[in-house]
Amino acid sequence: MENIKLFFQERAFGVCSKLGEKLHFPIDSIRLFFIYSSFITLGSPIILYVTLGMLMKIRTYLRRMNNPALFD
């Protein structure tokens, strides 16, 4: 079970983790919110999650382009 959890944490966008850090809110609660609201609204929060994840990846990419010495 722990291996599955680590697999998804390493390959997911990390949106819930980042939101939890910024809002000082438990990460598990944010994950549960996304899961429950996805069932209730037939998946619309998934679009929000993927959009936030892509914005985070683009932001990281742009930071690497501006200062490549930080990521060596």
N, C-alpha and C. Protein backbone atom coordinates (compact mmCIF):
# COMPACT_ATOMS: atom_id res chain seq x y z
N MET A 1 0.83 -1.20 0.00
CA MET A 1 0.00 0.00 0.00
C MET A 1 0.86 1.25 0.00
N GLU A 2 1.93 1.25 0.79
CA GLU A 2 2.81 2.41 0.87
C GLU A 2 3.52 2.65 -0.46
N ASN A 3 3.87 1.56 -1.17
CA ASN A 3 4.52 1.71 -2.48
C ASN A 3 3.61 2.39 -3.48
N ILE A 4 2.34 2.07 -3.44
CA ILE A 4 1.38 2.69 -4.35
C ILE A 4 1.25 4.18 -4.04
N LYS A 5 1.19 4.51 -2.77
CA LYS A 5 1.08 5.91 -2.35
C LYS A 5 2.31 6.71 -2.80
N LEU A 6 3.49 6.15 -2.61
CA LEU A 6 4.72 6.82 -3.04
C LEU A 6 4.77 6.98 -4.56
N PHE A 7 4.30 5.97 -5.30
CA PHE A 7 4.28 6.02 -6.75
C PHE A 7 3.47 7.22 -7.24
N PHE A 8 2.26 7.38 -6.70
CA PHE A 8 1.40 8.47 -7.14
C PHE A 8 1.89 9.83 -6.65
N GLN A 9 2.48 9.89 -5.47
CA GLN A 9 3.00 11.15 -4.97
C GLN A 9 4.17 11.64 -5.80
N GLU A 10 5.01 10.74 -6.27
CA GLU A 10 6.16 11.13 -7.07
C GLU A 10 5.78 11.56 -8.47
N ARG A 11 4.71 10.99 -9.02
CA ARG A 11 4.35 11.26 -10.40
C ARG A 11 3.19 12.24 -10.57
N ALA A 12 2.53 12.57 -9.50
CA ALA A 12 1.43 13.54 -9.56
C ALA A 12 2.00 14.94 -9.62
N PHE A 13 1.16 15.89 -9.90
CA PHE A 13 1.60 17.27 -10.03
C PHE A 13 2.01 17.89 -8.70
N GLY A 14 1.45 17.44 -7.62
CA GLY A 14 1.75 18.03 -6.32
C GLY A 14 0.89 19.23 -6.01
N VAL A 15 -0.24 19.33 -6.66
CA VAL A 15 -1.13 20.47 -6.46
C VAL A 15 -1.64 20.52 -5.03
N CYS A 16 -2.08 19.40 -4.50
CA CYS A 16 -2.61 19.37 -3.13
C CYS A 16 -1.53 19.73 -2.12
N SER A 17 -0.33 19.24 -2.34
CA SER A 17 0.78 19.55 -1.43
C SER A 17 1.09 21.04 -1.44
N LYS A 18 1.15 21.61 -2.63
CA LYS A 18 1.47 23.02 -2.76
C LYS A 18 0.37 23.89 -2.15
N LEU A 19 -0.90 23.54 -2.39
CA LEU A 19 -2.01 24.27 -1.79
C LEU A 19 -1.98 24.17 -0.27
N GLY A 20 -1.67 22.99 0.23
CA GLY A 20 -1.59 22.79 1.68
C GLY A 20 -0.50 23.64 2.31
N GLU A 21 0.64 23.74 1.63
CA GLU A 21 1.73 24.56 2.15
C GLU A 21 1.36 26.04 2.14
N LYS A 22 0.77 26.49 1.05
CA LYS A 22 0.43 27.91 0.92
C LYS A 22 -0.69 28.32 1.88
N LEU A 23 -1.69 27.46 2.04
CA LEU A 23 -2.86 27.80 2.85
C LEU A 23 -2.74 27.35 4.31
N HIS A 24 -1.63 26.64 4.64
CA HIS A 24 -1.44 26.08 5.98
C HIS A 24 -2.64 25.21 6.36
N PHE A 25 -2.96 24.28 5.47
CA PHE A 25 -4.11 23.40 5.62
C PHE A 25 -3.64 21.97 5.42
N PRO A 26 -4.20 20.98 6.11
CA PRO A 26 -3.75 19.59 5.96
C PRO A 26 -3.92 19.10 4.51
N ILE A 27 -2.88 18.49 3.99
CA ILE A 27 -2.87 18.02 2.61
C ILE A 27 -3.92 16.95 2.38
N ASP A 28 -4.09 16.06 3.34
CA ASP A 28 -5.08 14.99 3.19
C ASP A 28 -6.49 15.54 3.06
N SER A 29 -6.78 16.63 3.75
CA SER A 29 -8.10 17.25 3.65
C SER A 29 -8.34 17.82 2.27
N ILE A 30 -7.31 18.41 1.69
CA ILE A 30 -7.43 18.97 0.34
C ILE A 30 -7.63 17.85 -0.67
N ARG A 31 -6.89 16.76 -0.51
CA ARG A 31 -7.06 15.61 -1.42
C ARG A 31 -8.47 15.04 -1.33
N LEU A 32 -8.96 14.90 -0.10
CA LEU A 32 -10.33 14.40 0.07
C LEU A 32 -11.35 15.35 -0.54
N PHE A 33 -11.12 16.65 -0.41
CA PHE A 33 -12.02 17.61 -1.03
C PHE A 33 -12.08 17.41 -2.54
N PHE A 34 -10.92 17.25 -3.19
CA PHE A 34 -10.89 17.03 -4.63
C PHE A 34 -11.61 15.72 -5.00
N ILE A 35 -11.40 14.69 -4.22
CA ILE A 35 -12.03 13.39 -4.52
C ILE A 35 -13.54 13.48 -4.37
N TYR A 36 -14.00 13.99 -3.23
CA TYR A 36 -15.46 14.06 -2.99
C TYR A 36 -16.14 15.02 -3.95
N SER A 37 -15.54 16.16 -4.18
CA SER A 37 -16.18 17.11 -5.10
C SER A 37 -16.17 16.60 -6.53
N SER A 38 -15.20 15.76 -6.89
CA SER A 38 -15.20 15.16 -8.22
C SER A 38 -16.36 14.19 -8.39
N PHE A 39 -16.67 13.44 -7.34
CA PHE A 39 -17.82 12.53 -7.42
C PHE A 39 -19.14 13.29 -7.47
N ILE A 40 -19.24 14.33 -6.67
CA ILE A 40 -20.49 15.09 -6.59
C ILE A 40 -20.75 15.88 -7.87
N THR A 41 -19.72 16.49 -8.43
CA THR A 41 -19.90 17.35 -9.60
C THR A 41 -19.52 16.66 -10.91
N LEU A 42 -19.38 15.36 -10.88
CA LEU A 42 -19.07 14.55 -12.07
C LEU A 42 -17.75 14.93 -12.73
N GLY A 43 -16.74 15.23 -11.92
CA GLY A 43 -15.39 15.36 -12.43
C GLY A 43 -14.89 16.75 -12.76
N SER A 44 -15.67 17.80 -12.55
CA SER A 44 -15.20 19.13 -12.90
C SER A 44 -13.97 19.60 -12.10
N PRO A 45 -13.79 19.22 -10.83
CA PRO A 45 -12.56 19.62 -10.12
C PRO A 45 -11.30 19.00 -10.73
N ILE A 46 -11.45 17.93 -11.47
CA ILE A 46 -10.29 17.32 -12.13
C ILE A 46 -9.70 18.30 -13.14
N ILE A 47 -10.57 19.04 -13.82
CA ILE A 47 -10.11 20.05 -14.78
C ILE A 47 -9.32 21.13 -14.05
N LEU A 48 -9.82 21.56 -12.90
CA LEU A 48 -9.12 22.55 -12.08
C LEU A 48 -7.77 22.00 -11.62
N TYR A 49 -7.75 20.76 -11.17
CA TYR A 49 -6.51 20.14 -10.68
C TYR A 49 -5.46 20.06 -11.79
N VAL A 50 -5.86 19.60 -12.97
CA VAL A 50 -4.92 19.48 -14.08
C VAL A 50 -4.43 20.86 -14.52
N THR A 51 -5.32 21.85 -14.54
CA THR A 51 -4.92 23.20 -14.92
C THR A 51 -3.91 23.76 -13.93
N LEU A 52 -4.17 23.61 -12.64
CA LEU A 52 -3.21 24.08 -11.63
C LEU A 52 -1.88 23.34 -11.74
N GLY A 53 -1.95 22.05 -12.01
CA GLY A 53 -0.73 21.26 -12.17
C GLY A 53 0.10 21.72 -13.35
N MET A 54 -0.56 22.00 -14.46
CA MET A 54 0.16 22.48 -15.64
C MET A 54 0.76 23.86 -15.40
N LEU A 55 0.03 24.73 -14.71
CA LEU A 55 0.58 26.05 -14.39
C LEU A 55 1.81 25.94 -13.49
N MET A 56 1.78 25.00 -12.57
CA MET A 56 2.94 24.79 -11.70
C MET A 56 4.14 24.29 -12.50
N LYS A 57 3.89 23.37 -13.43
CA LYS A 57 4.99 22.85 -14.26
C LYS A 57 5.57 23.94 -15.16
N ILE A 58 4.70 24.77 -15.73
CA ILE A 58 5.17 25.87 -16.59
C ILE A 58 5.98 26.86 -15.77
N ARG A 59 5.51 27.16 -14.57
CA ARG A 59 6.24 28.09 -13.70
C ARG A 59 7.63 27.55 -13.36
N THR A 60 7.73 26.26 -13.05
CA THR A 60 9.02 25.65 -12.76
C THR A 60 9.92 25.70 -13.99
N TYR A 61 9.36 25.42 -15.16
CA TYR A 61 10.13 25.45 -16.40
C TYR A 61 10.68 26.86 -16.65
N LEU A 62 9.83 27.88 -16.47
CA LEU A 62 10.27 29.25 -16.70
C LEU A 62 11.34 29.67 -15.70
N ARG A 63 11.24 29.20 -14.47
CA ARG A 63 12.28 29.50 -13.49
C ARG A 63 13.60 28.86 -13.89
N ARG A 64 13.55 27.66 -14.43
CA ARG A 64 14.78 27.00 -14.90
C ARG A 64 15.40 27.76 -16.05
N MET A 65 14.57 28.29 -16.93
CA MET A 65 15.07 29.03 -18.08
C MET A 65 15.74 30.34 -17.65
N ASN A 66 15.21 30.98 -16.61
CA ASN A 66 15.75 32.25 -16.14
C ASN A 66 17.02 32.08 -15.32
N ASN A 67 17.14 30.95 -14.61
CA ASN A 67 18.31 30.74 -13.77
C ASN A 67 18.69 29.25 -13.78
N PRO A 68 19.35 28.80 -14.82
CA PRO A 68 19.67 27.36 -14.92
C PRO A 68 20.67 26.89 -13.88
N ALA A 69 21.42 27.76 -13.23
CA ALA A 69 22.41 27.34 -12.24
C ALA A 69 21.76 26.79 -10.98
N LEU A 70 20.51 27.14 -10.70
CA LEU A 70 19.83 26.68 -9.50
C LEU A 70 19.50 25.19 -9.56
N PHE A 71 19.35 24.64 -10.73
CA PHE A 71 18.85 23.28 -10.88
C PHE A 71 19.92 22.30 -11.36
N ASP A 72 21.18 22.65 -11.26
CA ASP A 72 22.24 21.72 -11.67
C ASP A 72 22.59 20.78 -10.57
